[in-house]
Amino acid sequence: MNESLKILLVVGFLIVILWNLGAGLYYMLVDKGQSKRTVNALTRRIALSIALIAIIVFAMWMGWIEPHGIGSNPN
């Protein structure tokens, strides 16, 4: 898989997650508890976050991506 495609996939997931977080805030302010749109938006955000973590763990397990050890002391 192309390196830029991997980055684009993760950034795309993060943008959609932030979009759902913003939608949840908007619905919370506009609906004033009259609908379940806030709960649905935040549920989608949690599901997308879990999916992103699962995809990253799976890609690391398959060897498609490698952690680069931020903060580690290079020898």
N, C-alpha and C. Protein backbone atom coordinates (compact mmCIF):
# COMPACT_ATOMS: atom_id res chain seq x y z
N MET A 1 0.85 -1.18 0.00
CA MET A 1 0.00 0.00 0.00
C MET A 1 0.89 1.24 0.00
N ASN A 2 0.52 2.22 -0.77
CA ASN A 2 1.27 3.45 -0.89
C ASN A 2 1.27 4.22 0.44
N GLU A 3 2.40 4.81 0.79
CA GLU A 3 2.54 5.53 2.06
C GLU A 3 1.55 6.70 2.16
N SER A 4 1.39 7.43 1.07
CA SER A 4 0.48 8.57 1.10
C SER A 4 -0.98 8.13 1.24
N LEU A 5 -1.30 6.94 0.72
CA LEU A 5 -2.66 6.42 0.86
C LEU A 5 -2.94 6.06 2.32
N LYS A 6 -1.94 5.52 3.01
CA LYS A 6 -2.10 5.21 4.43
C LYS A 6 -2.36 6.48 5.23
N ILE A 7 -1.59 7.51 4.97
CA ILE A 7 -1.75 8.77 5.68
C ILE A 7 -3.12 9.39 5.36
N LEU A 8 -3.52 9.33 4.09
CA LEU A 8 -4.81 9.87 3.69
C LEU A 8 -5.96 9.14 4.37
N LEU A 9 -5.83 7.83 4.53
CA LEU A 9 -6.87 7.05 5.21
C LEU A 9 -7.01 7.47 6.67
N VAL A 10 -5.90 7.60 7.36
CA VAL A 10 -5.95 7.99 8.78
C VAL A 10 -6.47 9.43 8.93
N VAL A 11 -5.98 10.33 8.10
CA VAL A 11 -6.44 11.72 8.18
C VAL A 11 -7.92 11.82 7.83
N GLY A 12 -8.36 11.04 6.84
CA GLY A 12 -9.79 11.01 6.50
C GLY A 12 -10.64 10.55 7.66
N PHE A 13 -10.20 9.48 8.34
CA PHE A 13 -10.92 9.01 9.52
C PHE A 13 -10.98 10.10 10.58
N LEU A 14 -9.86 10.77 10.83
CA LEU A 14 -9.83 11.81 11.86
C LEU A 14 -10.75 12.98 11.51
N ILE A 15 -10.82 13.34 10.25
CA ILE A 15 -11.72 14.43 9.83
C ILE A 15 -13.18 14.05 10.06
N VAL A 16 -13.54 12.81 9.69
CA VAL A 16 -14.91 12.36 9.90
C VAL A 16 -15.23 12.27 11.40
N ILE A 17 -14.27 11.84 12.20
CA ILE A 17 -14.47 11.78 13.65
C ILE A 17 -14.71 13.18 14.21
N LEU A 18 -13.89 14.14 13.79
CA LEU A 18 -14.08 15.52 14.26
C LEU A 18 -15.40 16.10 13.76
N TRP A 19 -15.80 15.75 12.55
CA TRP A 19 -17.08 16.21 12.01
C TRP A 19 -18.23 15.72 12.89
N ASN A 20 -18.20 14.44 13.27
CA ASN A 20 -19.25 13.90 14.12
C ASN A 20 -19.23 14.51 15.51
N LEU A 21 -18.05 14.83 16.01
CA LEU A 21 -17.96 15.51 17.30
C LEU A 21 -18.59 16.89 17.22
N GLY A 22 -18.29 17.62 16.15
CA GLY A 22 -18.91 18.94 15.95
C GLY A 22 -20.41 18.84 15.75
N ALA A 23 -20.85 17.81 15.02
CA ALA A 23 -22.29 17.63 14.82
C ALA A 23 -22.98 17.35 16.15
N GLY A 24 -22.34 16.56 17.00
CA GLY A 24 -22.91 16.30 18.32
C GLY A 24 -23.05 17.57 19.14
N LEU A 25 -22.04 18.43 19.08
CA LEU A 25 -22.11 19.71 19.80
C LEU A 25 -23.23 20.58 19.23
N TYR A 26 -23.30 20.65 17.91
CA TYR A 26 -24.33 21.47 17.26
C TYR A 26 -25.73 20.98 17.63
N TYR A 27 -25.95 19.66 17.53
CA TYR A 27 -27.27 19.12 17.85
C TYR A 27 -27.60 19.31 19.32
N MET A 28 -26.60 19.25 20.18
CA MET A 28 -26.85 19.45 21.60
C MET A 28 -27.32 20.88 21.87
N LEU A 29 -26.74 21.84 21.16
CA LEU A 29 -27.12 23.24 21.37
C LEU A 29 -28.45 23.58 20.70
N VAL A 30 -28.72 22.98 19.55
CA VAL A 30 -29.92 23.33 18.78
C VAL A 30 -31.15 22.57 19.27
N ASP A 31 -31.02 21.28 19.50
CA ASP A 31 -32.19 20.45 19.82
C ASP A 31 -32.66 20.59 21.26
N LYS A 32 -31.79 20.99 22.15
CA LYS A 32 -32.13 21.16 23.58
C LYS A 32 -32.75 19.89 24.18
N GLY A 33 -32.22 18.73 23.78
CA GLY A 33 -32.68 17.47 24.37
C GLY A 33 -33.97 16.93 23.79
N GLN A 34 -34.44 17.48 22.68
CA GLN A 34 -35.71 17.05 22.11
C GLN A 34 -35.56 15.88 21.13
N SER A 35 -34.36 15.59 20.67
CA SER A 35 -34.17 14.48 19.75
C SER A 35 -32.94 13.67 20.15
N LYS A 36 -32.72 12.58 19.43
CA LYS A 36 -31.59 11.71 19.74
C LYS A 36 -30.43 11.94 18.78
N ARG A 37 -30.45 13.06 18.04
CA ARG A 37 -29.39 13.31 17.07
C ARG A 37 -28.03 13.47 17.74
N THR A 38 -27.99 14.05 18.93
CA THR A 38 -26.72 14.21 19.65
C THR A 38 -26.14 12.84 20.00
N VAL A 39 -26.97 11.98 20.54
CA VAL A 39 -26.52 10.65 20.93
C VAL A 39 -26.05 9.86 19.71
N ASN A 40 -26.78 9.98 18.61
CA ASN A 40 -26.39 9.27 17.39
C ASN A 40 -25.06 9.77 16.85
N ALA A 41 -24.84 11.08 16.85
CA ALA A 41 -23.58 11.63 16.34
C ALA A 41 -22.40 11.19 17.22
N LEU A 42 -22.58 11.21 18.52
CA LEU A 42 -21.50 10.81 19.41
C LEU A 42 -21.26 9.29 19.37
N THR A 43 -22.32 8.52 19.14
CA THR A 43 -22.16 7.07 18.98
C THR A 43 -21.36 6.76 17.72
N ARG A 44 -21.66 7.48 16.62
CA ARG A 44 -20.88 7.29 15.40
C ARG A 44 -19.43 7.67 15.62
N ARG A 45 -19.18 8.74 16.38
CA ARG A 45 -17.81 9.16 16.65
C ARG A 45 -17.05 8.08 17.41
N ILE A 46 -17.67 7.49 18.40
CA ILE A 46 -17.02 6.43 19.17
C ILE A 46 -16.77 5.20 18.29
N ALA A 47 -17.75 4.84 17.46
CA ALA A 47 -17.59 3.69 16.58
C ALA A 47 -16.46 3.92 15.58
N LEU A 48 -16.36 5.12 15.03
CA LEU A 48 -15.29 5.44 14.09
C LEU A 48 -13.93 5.43 14.78
N SER A 49 -13.87 5.92 16.01
CA SER A 49 -12.61 5.91 16.75
C SER A 49 -12.15 4.48 17.02
N ILE A 50 -13.07 3.63 17.42
CA ILE A 50 -12.73 2.23 17.67
C ILE A 50 -12.30 1.55 16.37
N ALA A 51 -13.00 1.86 15.27
CA ALA A 51 -12.63 1.27 13.98
C ALA A 51 -11.24 1.72 13.55
N LEU A 52 -10.91 2.99 13.75
CA LEU A 52 -9.59 3.49 13.39
C LEU A 52 -8.50 2.81 14.20
N ILE A 53 -8.72 2.65 15.49
CA ILE A 53 -7.74 1.97 16.33
C ILE A 53 -7.58 0.51 15.89
N ALA A 54 -8.69 -0.15 15.57
CA ALA A 54 -8.63 -1.54 15.12
C ALA A 54 -7.89 -1.66 13.80
N ILE A 55 -8.13 -0.73 12.89
CA ILE A 55 -7.43 -0.75 11.60
C ILE A 55 -5.93 -0.55 11.79
N ILE A 56 -5.55 0.36 12.67
CA ILE A 56 -4.12 0.62 12.91
C ILE A 56 -3.46 -0.60 13.56
N VAL A 57 -4.12 -1.20 14.54
CA VAL A 57 -3.56 -2.39 15.19
C VAL A 57 -3.44 -3.53 14.19
N PHE A 58 -4.45 -3.72 13.35
CA PHE A 58 -4.41 -4.78 12.34
C PHE A 58 -3.29 -4.54 11.33
N ALA A 59 -3.13 -3.29 10.90
CA ALA A 59 -2.07 -2.95 9.94
C ALA A 59 -0.69 -3.17 10.55
N MET A 60 -0.54 -2.87 11.84
CA MET A 60 0.74 -3.13 12.50
C MET A 60 0.99 -4.64 12.60
N TRP A 61 -0.04 -5.41 12.90
CA TRP A 61 0.07 -6.85 13.02
C TRP A 61 0.45 -7.47 11.68
N MET A 62 -0.14 -6.96 10.59
CA MET A 62 0.15 -7.48 9.25
C MET A 62 1.50 -6.99 8.71
N GLY A 63 2.09 -6.00 9.35
CA GLY A 63 3.37 -5.48 8.91
C GLY A 63 3.25 -4.40 7.84
N TRP A 64 2.04 -3.89 7.61
CA TRP A 64 1.84 -2.85 6.60
C TRP A 64 2.37 -1.51 7.09
N ILE A 65 2.30 -1.28 8.40
CA ILE A 65 2.88 -0.07 8.99
C ILE A 65 3.75 -0.49 10.15
N GLU A 66 4.72 0.36 10.48
CA GLU A 66 5.61 0.08 11.59
C GLU A 66 5.64 1.29 12.50
N PRO A 67 5.51 1.07 13.81
CA PRO A 67 5.63 2.19 14.73
C PRO A 67 7.07 2.73 14.69
N HIS A 68 7.19 4.04 14.77
CA HIS A 68 8.53 4.64 14.65
C HIS A 68 9.09 5.06 15.99
N GLY A 69 8.41 4.81 17.08
CA GLY A 69 8.98 5.02 18.40
C GLY A 69 9.23 6.47 18.74
N ILE A 70 8.18 7.27 18.76
CA ILE A 70 8.33 8.67 19.15
C ILE A 70 8.85 8.72 20.58
N GLY A 71 9.86 9.51 20.80
CA GLY A 71 10.42 9.67 22.12
C GLY A 71 11.46 8.63 22.49
N SER A 72 11.73 7.68 21.63
CA SER A 72 12.75 6.69 21.95
C SER A 72 14.12 7.25 21.64
N ASN A 73 15.11 6.72 22.30
CA ASN A 73 16.47 7.19 22.14
C ASN A 73 17.15 6.40 21.03
N PRO A 74 17.46 7.02 19.89
CA PRO A 74 18.10 6.28 18.82
C PRO A 74 19.54 5.94 19.16
N ASN A 75 20.01 4.80 18.72
CA ASN A 75 21.38 4.37 19.01
C ASN A 75 22.28 4.66 17.83
